[in-house]
């Protein structure tokens, strides 16, 4: 039987986006969820969350043993975690799966999926964008952790830089177009530039960014060689945010602040990412990056507390 005194579990496969989303939701519903990173191999790594003979052993002996004492509530993000939450539900846990598991949602109590995925069903909760921890307290902590960023000259322009994906052609040409607009803004207004890369940012873009803005006040961060990642501080101190169009997660977190958000050439995106950006454009929460900034305070888009309230209501937790 599930143990109601055990903290909820937050399961993921180690992917940064999966980890961030499941911890954001679990943390909104419990003070100290237990984080579990799952590791597996073929055939389960290929076919999860489909059930196969021996699926109970897919994640190793420790997880197999833990199935004998399951928690009352568990959250998972990603296909591999969806197999784990499915196994837990068979043993009496209430389970919430984040992101489309790609099979019938009846295997979970609730599934949380972005609107742009098109998944619908009686146990499906949809949100605009992705789950994240960004709220007033998180931004205040970011400012407190990186107070020196607040001393940079304004306007402080934060650039969140991803890279090319199958759905978004954010290549060198796109970077050069974005850089030209940023140069124009700096020439008109001065200020500072905080540019933060991601795991997908090509080394070529990092090199160009360092060269283009070597003498511009601010920070450039592309990895541990640049010190501690100032991401939370940058969002906390941002006067405006520019986000490359390839990352739903980065756009969602930018939109959870009160800063205006600009996306360079959103038309470069296709498929689900394009549908997401089009929705934000229609709502006025993002603007295409143009020659003239149109800064104005924005209403933060915070879906995590809304989804957490719906989960609590539906599961009566």
Protein backbone atom coordinates (compact mmCIF):
# COMPACT_ATOMS: atom_id res chain seq x y z
CA UNK A 1 0.00 0.00 0.00
CA UNK A 2 1.21 3.56 -0.67
CA UNK A 3 2.70 5.37 2.31
CA UNK A 4 0.89 8.69 2.91
CA UNK A 5 3.73 9.91 5.14
CA UNK A 6 6.31 9.60 2.36
CA UNK A 7 7.07 12.85 0.48
CA UNK A 8 5.89 12.85 -3.13
CA UNK A 9 8.39 11.62 -5.68
CA UNK A 10 9.57 13.72 -8.63
CA UNK A 11 10.94 11.44 -11.35
CA UNK A 12 12.87 12.41 -14.49
CA UNK A 13 15.55 11.09 -16.83
CA UNK A 14 18.13 13.79 -16.15
CA UNK A 15 17.20 15.96 -19.14
CA UNK A 16 17.33 19.58 -17.96
CA UNK A 17 13.90 20.50 -19.30
CA UNK A 18 12.24 17.42 -17.79
CA UNK A 19 13.92 17.94 -14.43
CA UNK A 20 12.97 21.60 -14.26
CA UNK A 21 9.33 21.01 -15.09
CA UNK A 22 8.69 18.10 -12.75
CA UNK A 23 10.47 19.77 -9.83
CA UNK A 24 8.51 22.99 -10.44
CA UNK A 25 5.17 21.19 -10.24
CA UNK A 26 6.12 18.88 -7.37
CA UNK A 27 7.61 21.82 -5.46
CA UNK A 28 4.41 23.82 -5.89
CA UNK A 29 2.47 21.01 -4.20
CA UNK A 30 4.92 19.74 -1.56
CA UNK A 31 7.63 21.37 0.52
CA UNK A 32 10.25 18.65 0.05
CA UNK A 33 9.55 16.26 -2.83
CA UNK A 34 12.00 13.42 -3.29
CA UNK A 35 13.88 13.82 -6.56
CA UNK A 36 14.72 10.58 -8.40
CA UNK A 37 16.79 10.52 -11.59
CA UNK A 38 16.03 7.42 -13.61
CA UNK A 39 18.53 5.47 -15.71
CA UNK A 40 17.65 2.61 -18.02
CA UNK A 41 18.75 0.87 -21.20
CA UNK A 42 17.30 -0.91 -24.20
CA UNK A 43 14.62 -2.07 -24.78
CA UNK A 44 12.92 0.12 -22.16
CA UNK A 45 14.82 3.23 -23.21
CA UNK A 46 13.36 2.75 -26.70
CA UNK A 47 9.80 1.72 -25.89
CA UNK A 48 8.92 3.49 -22.62
CA UNK A 49 6.27 4.03 -21.40
CA UNK A 50 4.98 0.84 -23.02
CA UNK A 51 4.82 -2.15 -20.67
CA UNK A 52 7.02 -5.14 -21.45
CA UNK A 53 7.69 -8.31 -19.47
CA UNK A 54 10.17 -7.36 -16.76
CA UNK A 55 9.37 -3.63 -16.86
CA UNK A 56 9.59 -3.58 -13.05
CA UNK A 57 13.36 -4.04 -13.47
CA UNK A 58 13.78 -1.31 -16.09
CA UNK A 59 15.36 1.19 -13.68
CA UNK A 60 17.55 -1.08 -11.58
CA UNK A 61 17.32 -2.95 -8.31
CA UNK A 62 16.84 0.10 -6.09
CA UNK A 63 13.77 1.28 -7.98
CA UNK A 64 12.39 -2.26 -8.15
CA UNK A 65 12.68 -2.49 -4.37
CA UNK A 66 11.06 0.91 -3.93
CA UNK A 67 7.95 -0.37 -5.72
CA UNK A 68 7.22 -2.38 -2.58
CA UNK A 69 6.78 0.89 -0.64
CA UNK A 70 5.37 3.37 -3.14
CA UNK A 71 4.52 6.96 -2.23
CA UNK A 72 0.95 8.20 -2.14
CA UNK A 73 1.76 10.73 -4.88
CA UNK A 74 4.34 10.80 -7.68
CA UNK A 75 5.17 13.13 -10.56
CA UNK A 76 7.09 12.27 -13.70
CA UNK A 77 8.34 14.14 -16.76
CA UNK A 78 9.37 12.55 -20.04
CA UNK A 79 8.72 9.12 -21.57
CA UNK A 80 11.04 7.15 -19.33
CA UNK A 81 9.57 8.65 -16.21
CA UNK A 82 6.13 7.88 -17.66
CA UNK A 83 6.97 4.18 -17.42
CA UNK A 84 8.02 4.63 -13.79
CA UNK A 85 4.85 6.54 -12.87
CA UNK A 86 2.78 3.93 -14.69
CA UNK A 87 4.39 1.20 -12.57
CA UNK A 88 3.75 3.21 -9.41
CA UNK A 89 0.10 3.69 -10.27
CA UNK A 90 -0.32 -0.06 -10.64
CA UNK A 91 0.79 -0.26 -7.01
CA UNK A 92 -1.69 2.32 -5.75
CA UNK A 93 0.14 5.66 -6.09
CA UNK A 94 -1.66 8.67 -7.51
CA UNK A 95 0.46 9.83 -10.41
CA UNK A 96 0.77 12.98 -12.51
CA UNK A 97 2.69 12.76 -15.77
CA UNK A 98 4.18 15.92 -17.30
CA UNK A 99 4.38 16.00 -21.14
CA UNK A 100 2.60 13.80 -23.65
CA UNK A 101 3.45 10.14 -22.87
CA UNK A 102 2.62 9.24 -26.52
CA UNK A 103 0.21 6.48 -25.50
CA UNK A 104 -3.31 6.45 -24.03
CA UNK A 105 -3.47 8.80 -21.03
CA UNK A 106 -5.69 6.38 -19.07
CA UNK A 107 -2.55 4.87 -17.54
CA UNK A 108 -2.07 7.99 -15.38
CA UNK A 109 -4.37 9.89 -13.02
CA UNK A 110 -3.50 13.19 -14.70
CA UNK A 111 -1.36 14.25 -17.63
CA UNK A 112 -0.08 17.82 -17.90
CA UNK A 113 0.77 18.85 -21.47
CA UNK A 114 1.36 22.10 -23.33
CA UNK A 115 -1.52 23.39 -25.44
CA UNK A 116 0.61 23.39 -28.57
CA UNK A 117 1.01 19.58 -28.37
CA UNK A 118 -2.69 19.18 -29.15
CA UNK A 119 -3.23 16.48 -26.51
CA UNK A 120 -6.75 16.49 -25.06
CA UNK A 121 -8.71 14.17 -22.78
CA UNK A 122 -10.76 14.02 -19.57
CA UNK A 123 -7.63 13.61 -17.43
CA UNK A 124 -5.42 16.04 -19.41
CA UNK A 125 -4.55 19.49 -18.05
CA UNK A 126 -3.17 21.88 -20.65
CA UNK A 127 -0.96 24.92 -20.13
CA UNK A 128 0.54 27.64 -22.27
CA UNK A 129 4.23 26.87 -22.56
CA UNK A 130 6.06 24.87 -19.92
CA UNK A 131 6.12 24.51 -16.14
CA UNK A 132 8.83 26.48 -14.35
CA UNK A 133 9.73 27.83 -10.89
CA UNK A 134 9.77 31.53 -11.83
CA UNK A 135 7.72 33.66 -9.42
CA UNK A 136 8.31 36.78 -7.34
CA UNK A 137 10.24 34.91 -4.64
CA UNK A 138 12.42 33.12 -7.22
CA UNK A 139 13.24 36.41 -8.97
CA UNK A 140 13.99 38.13 -5.65
CA UNK A 141 16.38 35.31 -4.75
CA UNK A 142 18.06 35.72 -8.14
CA UNK A 143 18.60 39.42 -7.47
CA UNK A 144 19.95 38.70 -4.00
CA UNK A 145 22.36 36.06 -5.33
CA UNK A 146 23.70 38.30 -8.11
CA UNK A 147 23.50 41.86 -6.74
CA UNK A 148 26.28 43.10 -9.03
CA UNK A 149 24.00 42.68 -12.04
CA UNK A 150 21.74 45.34 -10.59
CA UNK A 151 24.63 47.81 -10.75
CA UNK A 152 24.97 47.47 -14.52
CA UNK A 153 23.83 50.47 -16.57
CA UNK A 154 20.27 50.37 -17.85
CA UNK A 155 18.47 49.38 -19.79
CA UNK A 156 19.66 45.88 -18.95
CA UNK A 157 18.94 43.67 -21.96
CA UNK A 158 19.04 39.95 -21.21
CA UNK A 159 19.53 37.61 -24.17
CA UNK A 160 18.70 33.91 -23.74
CA UNK A 161 20.41 32.12 -26.59
CA UNK A 162 19.60 28.59 -27.72
CA UNK A 163 20.54 27.07 -31.04
CA UNK A 164 19.24 25.28 -34.11
CA UNK A 165 16.74 22.42 -33.75
CA UNK A 166 14.80 20.32 -36.26
CA UNK A 167 11.82 22.65 -35.73
CA UNK A 168 13.66 25.99 -35.67
CA UNK A 169 16.34 27.25 -38.08
CA UNK A 170 18.21 29.43 -35.60
CA UNK A 171 21.53 29.39 -37.42
CA UNK A 172 24.39 31.83 -37.93
CA UNK A 173 22.31 33.99 -40.27
CA UNK A 174 19.61 34.28 -37.60
CA UNK A 175 22.23 35.15 -34.99
CA UNK A 176 23.67 37.89 -37.21
CA UNK A 177 20.22 39.44 -37.73
CA UNK A 178 19.60 39.42 -33.99
CA UNK A 179 23.05 40.85 -33.27
CA UNK A 180 22.48 43.75 -35.68
CA UNK A 181 19.29 44.74 -33.85
CA UNK A 182 21.00 44.51 -30.48
CA UNK A 183 23.86 46.68 -31.75
CA UNK A 184 21.31 49.25 -32.91
CA UNK A 185 19.62 49.27 -29.50
CA UNK A 186 22.94 49.70 -27.71
CA UNK A 187 23.91 52.55 -30.06
CA UNK A 188 20.60 54.34 -29.44
CA UNK A 189 20.22 53.80 -25.70
CA UNK A 190 23.48 52.53 -24.23
CA UNK A 191 22.84 50.18 -21.34
CA UNK A 192 24.22 46.71 -20.77
CA UNK A 193 23.91 43.24 -22.25
CA UNK A 194 23.65 39.97 -20.34
CA UNK A 195 23.89 37.11 -22.81
CA UNK A 196 23.37 33.57 -21.54
CA UNK A 197 23.82 30.49 -23.69
CA UNK A 198 22.36 27.02 -23.33
CA UNK A 199 23.55 23.49 -23.97
CA UNK A 200 22.38 23.83 -27.56
CA UNK A 201 24.26 27.04 -28.32
CA UNK A 202 26.90 26.31 -30.98
CA UNK A 203 30.48 27.19 -30.09
CA UNK A 204 30.52 29.43 -33.15
CA UNK A 205 27.74 31.61 -31.70
CA UNK A 206 29.49 31.84 -28.34
CA UNK A 207 32.69 32.96 -30.07
CA UNK A 208 30.85 35.59 -32.10
CA UNK A 209 29.04 36.89 -29.03
CA UNK A 210 32.25 37.29 -27.08
CA UNK A 211 33.86 39.12 -29.98
CA UNK A 212 30.94 41.39 -30.86
CA UNK A 213 30.28 42.58 -27.32
CA UNK A 214 33.74 42.34 -25.76
CA UNK A 215 33.59 46.00 -24.66
CA UNK A 216 29.87 46.17 -23.81
CA UNK A 217 28.98 46.35 -20.10
CA UNK A 218 27.35 43.18 -18.82
CA UNK A 219 28.04 39.45 -18.76
CA UNK A 220 28.49 36.69 -21.29
CA UNK A 221 27.95 33.14 -19.99
CA UNK A 222 28.26 29.97 -22.06
CA UNK A 223 29.44 27.40 -19.55
CA UNK A 224 31.32 26.72 -16.33
CA UNK A 225 34.42 28.41 -17.75
CA UNK A 226 32.50 31.68 -17.30
CA UNK A 227 31.85 31.09 -13.61
CA UNK A 228 28.49 30.57 -11.95
CA UNK A 229 25.49 30.67 -14.24
CA UNK A 230 23.82 34.06 -13.62
CA UNK A 231 20.52 33.01 -15.23
CA UNK A 232 18.26 33.63 -12.23
CA UNK A 233 19.93 36.95 -11.49
CA UNK A 234 19.66 38.02 -15.11
CA UNK A 235 15.92 37.36 -15.18
CA UNK A 236 15.54 39.10 -11.84
CA UNK A 237 17.33 42.27 -12.97
CA UNK A 238 16.15 42.33 -16.60
CA UNK A 239 14.62 45.48 -18.04
CA UNK A 240 13.85 43.53 -21.21
CA UNK A 241 14.47 39.98 -22.41
CA UNK A 242 15.33 38.70 -25.88
CA UNK A 243 14.86 34.94 -26.40
CA UNK A 244 15.84 32.92 -29.45
CA UNK A 245 12.77 31.19 -30.94
CA UNK A 246 13.94 27.60 -30.45
CA UNK A 247 13.17 27.01 -26.76
CA UNK A 248 9.66 26.81 -25.33
CA UNK A 249 11.18 26.50 -21.85
CA UNK A 250 13.28 29.69 -22.12
CA UNK A 251 10.43 31.69 -23.64
CA UNK A 252 8.09 30.46 -20.89
CA UNK A 253 10.50 31.47 -18.14
CA UNK A 254 11.10 34.88 -19.71
CA UNK A 255 7.34 35.43 -19.92
CA UNK A 256 6.97 34.52 -16.23
CA UNK A 257 8.82 37.74 -15.36
CA UNK A 258 7.30 41.19 -15.64
CA UNK A 259 9.76 42.27 -18.33
CA UNK A 260 8.85 42.75 -21.99
CA UNK A 261 9.94 39.79 -24.10
CA UNK A 262 11.18 39.91 -27.70
CA UNK A 263 11.69 36.93 -30.02
CA UNK A 264 13.87 37.36 -33.13
CA UNK A 265 12.24 36.08 -36.31
CA UNK A 266 9.58 33.84 -34.74
CA UNK A 267 8.62 32.79 -38.26
CA UNK A 268 11.77 30.64 -38.31
CA UNK A 269 9.95 28.22 -36.00
CA UNK A 270 7.70 25.47 -37.33
CA UNK A 271 5.28 22.91 -35.95
CA UNK A 272 4.41 22.95 -32.27
CA UNK A 273 6.95 25.63 -31.37
CA UNK A 274 5.48 27.94 -34.02
CA UNK A 275 1.96 27.37 -32.63
CA UNK A 276 3.18 28.31 -29.17
CA UNK A 277 4.90 31.48 -30.35
CA UNK A 278 1.87 32.47 -32.44
CA UNK A 279 -0.35 32.19 -29.36
CA UNK A 280 1.96 34.45 -27.35
CA UNK A 281 2.15 36.94 -30.21
CA UNK A 282 -1.65 37.03 -30.47
CA UNK A 283 -1.90 37.65 -26.72
CA UNK A 284 0.70 40.40 -26.89
CA UNK A 285 3.00 38.73 -24.35
CA UNK A 286 5.91 38.60 -26.81
CA UNK A 287 6.91 40.85 -29.70
CA UNK A 288 9.07 40.16 -32.73
CA UNK A 289 12.52 41.68 -32.32
CA UNK A 290 12.58 44.93 -34.29
CA UNK A 291 14.65 48.03 -34.84
CA UNK A 292 12.83 49.93 -32.11
CA UNK A 293 12.09 48.42 -28.68
CA UNK A 294 8.58 48.93 -27.31
CA UNK A 295 9.22 48.40 -23.62
CA UNK A 296 6.27 48.37 -21.27
CA UNK A 297 5.58 46.47 -18.04
CA UNK A 298 3.99 43.11 -18.79
CA UNK A 299 1.69 40.82 -16.89
CA UNK A 300 3.76 37.77 -15.86
CA UNK A 301 2.53 34.54 -17.43
CA UNK A 302 2.68 31.98 -14.61
CA UNK A 303 1.10 28.67 -15.42
CA UNK A 304 2.73 26.54 -12.70
CA UNK A 305 0.57 27.76 -9.78
CA UNK A 306 -2.56 27.49 -11.91
CA UNK A 307 -1.76 23.90 -12.89
CA UNK A 308 -0.78 23.04 -9.30
CA UNK A 309 -4.18 24.30 -8.07
CA UNK A 310 -5.95 22.16 -10.68
CA UNK A 311 -3.91 19.09 -9.69
CA UNK A 312 -4.73 19.66 -6.03
CA UNK A 313 -8.41 20.02 -6.85
CA UNK A 314 -8.58 16.99 -9.13
CA UNK A 315 -6.63 14.72 -6.78
CA UNK A 316 -7.95 16.36 -3.60
CA UNK A 317 -4.40 16.52 -2.22
